[in-house]
Amino acid sequence: MTLVGGGPGAADLLTVRAWRALQAADVVVADRLGPVEILAELPPHVRVVDVGKEPGRHPVPQERINELLVEHALAGAHVVRLKGGDPFVLGRGGEEVLACVAAGVPVEVVPGITSAVAVPGLAGIPLTHRGVTTGFHVVSGHCAAAADPDPSEPLDAAALSCVTGGTATLVVLMGVRSLGAIVAQSLAAGADPGTPVAIVENGSTPEQRVTRARLDEAAAVAAARGVRSPAVVVIGHVAAAGLLEGTSERRLAGAGV
């Protein structure tokens, strides 16, 4: 089985190694996100199995996805698991590897460009910038990394320290639904209400859109604009408008910043 990271969505951000793996596949088990339009360009014999998930809707549970990978591989098929972004950045790729290894199925990993880094960059937002911040922290907006997480407190202590201290940029994946809780928790912990926030929807695609606001207004502004997933939330001074003068907040069509 080949575990492939497909990148943030644009087909031309798929790596050469990933494309070669897809071309050699018998079965592709694909997510909803990532370069899904590329599936139409695969050889006719390739079987595509859609296991895509949406917020609040998981028609194929993760356990069944693991089983499908093993079943097809043990039947002799060259299986490619195509995931959006990088499979090991909040993508549950590790669980799929473990399921295959437990069943005696060898696994090759093809890294992908994670949306945590690529999507802000495509919107002209550098996660680090000299004189502004020298690090970034990536978290899931679903819940804190705890044995019994509280959905009203999606940020862990390390994430909160980024927001309250301004020591690093905070990047939140899958954070649209929990944005209100993120704002409330950050303000309660002492974060500056004026901290810049940028939300980039549908990064790397023609539908890319950037919403900016102060931290204390971010949830209300996002709701008013109808912000929806997939989106990447960036919290910190690098999210301020105009930090990189001359860059576009829309998809950069083959041009550098």
Protein backbone atom coordinates (compact mmCIF):
# COMPACT_ATOMS: atom_id res chain seq x y z
CA MET A 1 0.00 0.00 0.00
CA THR A 2 1.23 3.47 -0.84
CA LEU A 3 0.11 6.27 1.46
CA VAL A 4 0.09 9.46 -0.61
CA GLY A 5 -0.22 13.05 0.56
CA GLY A 6 -1.98 14.93 -2.22
CA GLY A 7 -1.29 18.47 -1.10
CA PRO A 8 -3.78 21.26 -0.33
CA GLY A 9 -6.01 20.83 -3.38
CA ALA A 10 -4.49 22.21 -6.57
CA ALA A 11 -3.49 19.39 -8.92
CA ASP A 12 -0.21 21.10 -9.82
CA LEU A 13 0.88 20.94 -6.17
CA LEU A 14 0.86 17.13 -6.30
CA THR A 15 4.43 15.82 -6.17
CA VAL A 16 5.97 13.89 -9.05
CA ARG A 17 6.38 10.82 -6.83
CA ALA A 18 2.71 10.99 -5.82
CA TRP A 19 1.61 11.21 -9.47
CA ARG A 20 3.74 8.21 -10.40
CA ALA A 21 2.23 6.19 -7.56
CA LEU A 22 -1.30 7.06 -8.71
CA GLN A 23 -0.47 6.08 -12.29
CA ALA A 24 0.71 2.66 -11.11
CA ALA A 25 -2.30 1.97 -8.86
CA ASP A 26 -4.98 -0.67 -9.24
CA VAL A 27 -7.16 0.82 -6.49
CA VAL A 28 -7.17 4.40 -5.18
CA VAL A 29 -8.92 5.03 -1.86
CA ALA A 30 -9.53 8.77 -1.94
CA ASP A 31 -10.55 11.50 0.49
CA ARG A 32 -12.85 14.44 -0.23
CA LEU A 33 -10.02 16.97 0.01
CA GLY A 34 -6.83 17.19 -1.99
CA PRO A 35 -6.42 17.09 -5.79
CA VAL A 36 -9.55 15.02 -6.49
CA GLU A 37 -9.88 16.29 -10.07
CA ILE A 38 -6.71 14.36 -10.89
CA LEU A 39 -8.64 11.11 -10.43
CA ALA A 40 -10.34 11.62 -13.80
CA GLU A 41 -6.92 11.45 -15.47
CA LEU A 42 -6.00 8.03 -14.10
CA PRO A 43 -5.85 4.99 -16.42
CA PRO A 44 -9.28 3.42 -17.10
CA HIS A 45 -8.52 0.25 -15.14
CA VAL A 46 -7.95 2.10 -11.86
CA ARG A 47 -10.78 1.63 -9.39
CA VAL A 48 -11.50 4.71 -7.26
CA VAL A 49 -13.09 4.17 -3.85
CA ASP A 50 -14.53 7.36 -2.35
CA VAL A 51 -14.24 7.47 1.45
CA GLY A 52 -14.45 11.24 1.82
CA LYS A 53 -15.60 12.79 5.07
CA GLU A 54 -17.33 16.11 5.67
CA PRO A 55 -17.83 17.99 8.94
CA GLY A 56 -20.45 16.06 10.89
CA ARG A 57 -20.79 13.44 8.15
CA HIS A 58 -18.55 10.37 8.01
CA PRO A 59 -20.24 7.86 5.68
CA VAL A 60 -17.22 5.54 5.81
CA PRO A 61 -15.86 5.24 9.38
CA GLN A 62 -12.09 5.25 9.84
CA GLU A 63 -12.13 1.62 10.93
CA ARG A 64 -13.78 0.65 7.64
CA ILE A 65 -11.24 2.68 5.67
CA ASN A 66 -8.48 0.73 7.38
CA GLU A 67 -10.23 -2.52 6.46
CA LEU A 68 -10.63 -1.50 2.82
CA LEU A 69 -6.93 -0.80 2.47
CA VAL A 70 -6.03 -4.17 3.92
CA GLU A 71 -8.68 -6.10 1.96
CA HIS A 72 -7.65 -4.72 -1.43
CA ALA A 73 -3.94 -5.11 -0.70
CA LEU A 74 -4.30 -8.73 0.45
CA ALA A 75 -6.34 -9.44 -2.70
CA GLY A 76 -3.24 -8.53 -4.70
CA ALA A 77 -4.09 -4.97 -5.74
CA HIS A 78 -1.61 -2.13 -5.74
CA VAL A 79 -3.46 0.20 -3.39
CA VAL A 80 -2.87 3.94 -3.17
CA ARG A 81 -4.43 5.81 -0.27
CA LEU A 82 -4.81 9.40 -1.47
CA LYS A 83 -5.19 11.93 1.34
CA GLY A 84 -5.32 15.71 1.28
CA GLY A 85 -2.32 17.65 2.55
CA ASP A 86 0.28 15.49 4.25
CA PRO A 87 -0.97 12.15 5.60
CA PHE A 88 0.78 12.59 8.94
CA VAL A 89 -0.40 16.16 9.69
CA LEU A 90 -3.77 15.69 11.42
CA GLY A 91 -4.70 13.19 8.73
CA ARG A 92 -4.92 9.88 10.63
CA GLY A 93 -2.35 8.43 8.27
CA GLY A 94 -0.54 6.79 11.16
CA GLU A 95 -3.63 4.74 12.01
CA GLU A 96 -3.84 3.48 8.44
CA VAL A 97 -0.18 2.52 8.42
CA LEU A 98 -0.58 0.60 11.67
CA ALA A 99 -3.62 -1.27 10.33
CA CYS A 100 -1.70 -2.33 7.23
CA VAL A 101 1.43 -3.32 9.13
CA ALA A 102 -0.64 -5.41 11.56
CA ALA A 103 -2.09 -7.28 8.59
CA GLY A 104 1.31 -7.86 7.01
CA VAL A 105 0.84 -5.28 4.26
CA PRO A 106 4.02 -3.28 3.50
CA VAL A 107 3.58 0.48 3.28
CA GLU A 108 5.39 3.18 1.34
CA VAL A 109 4.81 6.79 2.39
CA VAL A 110 4.79 9.67 -0.10
CA PRO A 111 4.73 12.98 1.81
CA GLY A 112 2.48 15.79 0.68
CA ILE A 113 2.48 19.56 1.01
CA THR A 114 0.49 20.24 4.17
CA SER A 115 -2.25 22.86 3.95
CA ALA A 116 -1.07 24.21 7.31
CA VAL A 117 1.90 25.78 5.53
CA ALA A 118 0.84 25.97 1.87
CA VAL A 119 -2.56 27.63 2.24
CA PRO A 120 -1.39 30.64 4.29
CA GLY A 121 1.59 31.01 1.94
CA LEU A 122 -0.65 31.07 -1.13
CA ALA A 123 -2.64 33.84 0.55
CA GLY A 124 0.50 35.90 1.13
CA ILE A 125 0.73 35.02 4.84
CA PRO A 126 4.19 33.86 5.98
CA LEU A 127 4.01 31.71 9.08
CA THR A 128 7.36 33.09 10.17
CA HIS A 129 8.80 36.49 9.34
CA ARG A 130 11.96 38.20 10.54
CA GLY A 131 11.16 40.67 13.28
CA VAL A 132 7.64 39.29 13.73
CA THR A 133 7.82 35.63 14.74
CA THR A 134 10.30 32.80 14.40
CA GLY A 135 8.02 29.79 14.89
CA PHE A 136 4.57 28.35 14.40
CA HIS A 137 2.34 25.81 16.09
CA VAL A 138 -0.23 23.64 14.29
CA VAL A 139 -3.30 22.23 16.04
CA SER A 140 -6.64 20.67 15.22
CA GLY A 141 -9.68 22.78 15.99
CA HIS A 142 -11.68 19.72 16.94
CA CYS A 143 -10.43 19.49 20.51
CA ALA A 144 -7.39 19.72 22.71
CA ALA A 145 -4.96 16.81 22.73
CA ALA A 146 -6.28 15.21 25.89
CA ALA A 147 -7.67 11.86 26.97
CA ASP A 148 -11.08 13.41 27.70
CA PRO A 149 -11.12 16.66 25.70
CA ASP A 150 -13.54 19.50 26.40
CA PRO A 151 -15.06 20.72 23.11
CA SER A 152 -15.50 24.18 24.63
CA GLU A 153 -11.71 24.41 25.04
CA PRO A 154 -10.20 23.30 21.73
CA LEU A 155 -6.72 24.73 22.39
CA ASP A 156 -4.05 23.07 24.50
CA ALA A 157 -1.60 24.94 26.71
CA ALA A 158 1.06 25.21 24.00
CA ALA A 159 -1.42 26.67 21.52
CA LEU A 160 -2.71 29.16 24.07
CA SER A 161 0.81 30.34 24.82
CA CYS A 162 1.23 31.24 21.14
CA VAL A 163 -1.88 33.42 21.21
CA THR A 164 -1.42 35.01 24.63
CA GLY A 165 2.31 35.61 24.39
CA GLY A 166 2.66 36.35 20.70
CA THR A 167 5.62 34.00 20.73
CA ALA A 168 4.63 32.07 17.62
CA THR A 169 2.00 31.89 14.90
CA LEU A 170 -0.92 29.58 15.66
CA VAL A 171 -2.33 27.60 12.73
CA VAL A 172 -5.64 25.83 13.27
CA LEU A 173 -6.84 23.14 10.88
CA MET A 174 -10.50 22.05 10.94
CA GLY A 175 -11.25 25.05 13.13
CA VAL A 176 -14.24 26.74 11.49
CA ARG A 177 -16.90 25.15 13.71
CA SER A 178 -14.88 25.73 16.87
CA LEU A 179 -13.76 29.28 16.04
CA GLY A 180 -16.09 30.81 18.63
CA ALA A 181 -14.70 28.53 21.32
CA ILE A 182 -11.13 29.26 20.20
CA VAL A 183 -11.74 33.01 20.48
CA ALA A 184 -13.44 32.72 23.87
CA GLN A 185 -10.75 30.48 25.31
CA SER A 186 -7.95 32.70 24.00
CA LEU A 187 -9.48 35.89 25.40
CA ALA A 188 -10.14 34.22 28.75
CA ALA A 189 -6.47 33.24 28.88
CA GLY A 190 -5.41 36.84 28.41
CA ALA A 191 -4.85 37.16 24.66
CA ASP A 192 -4.78 40.64 23.12
CA PRO A 193 -8.25 41.20 21.58
CA GLY A 194 -6.60 43.01 18.67
CA THR A 195 -4.47 40.02 17.62
CA PRO A 196 -4.81 39.62 13.83
CA VAL A 197 -6.67 36.58 12.51
CA ALA A 198 -6.85 35.37 8.91
CA ILE A 199 -9.08 32.55 7.67
CA VAL A 200 -8.25 31.11 4.27
CA GLU A 201 -11.01 29.03 2.67
CA ASN A 202 -10.45 26.56 -0.18
CA GLY A 203 -6.76 27.27 -0.31
CA SER A 204 -4.92 26.72 -3.62
CA THR A 205 -8.17 26.51 -5.61
CA PRO A 206 -9.91 29.16 -7.74
CA GLU A 207 -12.43 29.53 -4.87
CA GLN A 208 -9.76 30.62 -2.39
CA ARG A 209 -10.99 33.44 -0.14
CA VAL A 210 -9.39 35.25 2.79
CA THR A 211 -11.29 36.71 5.73
CA ARG A 212 -9.43 38.94 8.19
CA ALA A 213 -10.48 40.28 11.57
CA ARG A 214 -9.34 41.08 15.09
CA LEU A 215 -9.32 38.10 17.44
CA ASP A 216 -12.29 39.38 19.45
CA GLU A 217 -14.34 39.87 16.28
CA ALA A 218 -13.14 36.86 14.28
CA ALA A 219 -16.04 34.51 15.02
CA ALA A 220 -18.68 37.15 14.27
CA VAL A 221 -16.98 38.27 11.05
CA ALA A 222 -16.56 34.67 9.88
CA ALA A 223 -20.24 33.96 10.54
CA ALA A 224 -21.31 37.11 8.70
CA ARG A 225 -19.24 36.17 5.67
CA GLY A 226 -20.45 32.57 5.69
CA VAL A 227 -16.99 31.08 6.15
CA ARG A 228 -17.03 27.30 5.64
CA SER A 229 -14.56 24.45 5.71
CA PRO A 230 -12.12 23.54 4.35
CA ALA A 231 -10.31 26.48 5.82
CA VAL A 232 -7.07 27.26 7.61
CA VAL A 233 -7.14 29.70 10.52
CA VAL A 234 -4.00 31.75 11.19
CA ILE A 235 -3.72 33.66 14.48
CA GLY A 236 -0.83 36.02 15.12
CA HIS A 237 0.90 39.14 13.87
CA VAL A 238 1.85 37.54 10.53
CA ALA A 239 -1.89 37.48 9.72
CA ALA A 240 -2.04 41.28 9.61
CA ALA A 241 -3.10 42.72 6.27
CA GLY A 242 -0.29 44.35 4.31
CA LEU A 243 2.59 42.53 6.02
CA LEU A 244 3.90 41.49 2.62
CA GLU A 245 3.10 44.39 0.35
CA GLY A 246 2.28 43.51 -3.24
CA THR A 247 1.10 39.94 -2.64
CA SER A 248 -2.28 38.64 -3.67
CA GLU A 249 -4.76 37.01 -1.34
CA ARG A 250 -6.09 34.94 -4.20
CA ARG A 251 -4.57 31.78 -5.59
CA LEU A 252 -1.15 32.46 -7.08
CA ALA A 253 -1.45 30.96 -10.54
CA GLY A 254 2.10 29.78 -11.09
CA ALA A 255 3.65 33.04 -9.90
CA GLY A 256 5.89 33.54 -6.94
CA VAL A 257 5.18 35.94 -4.10
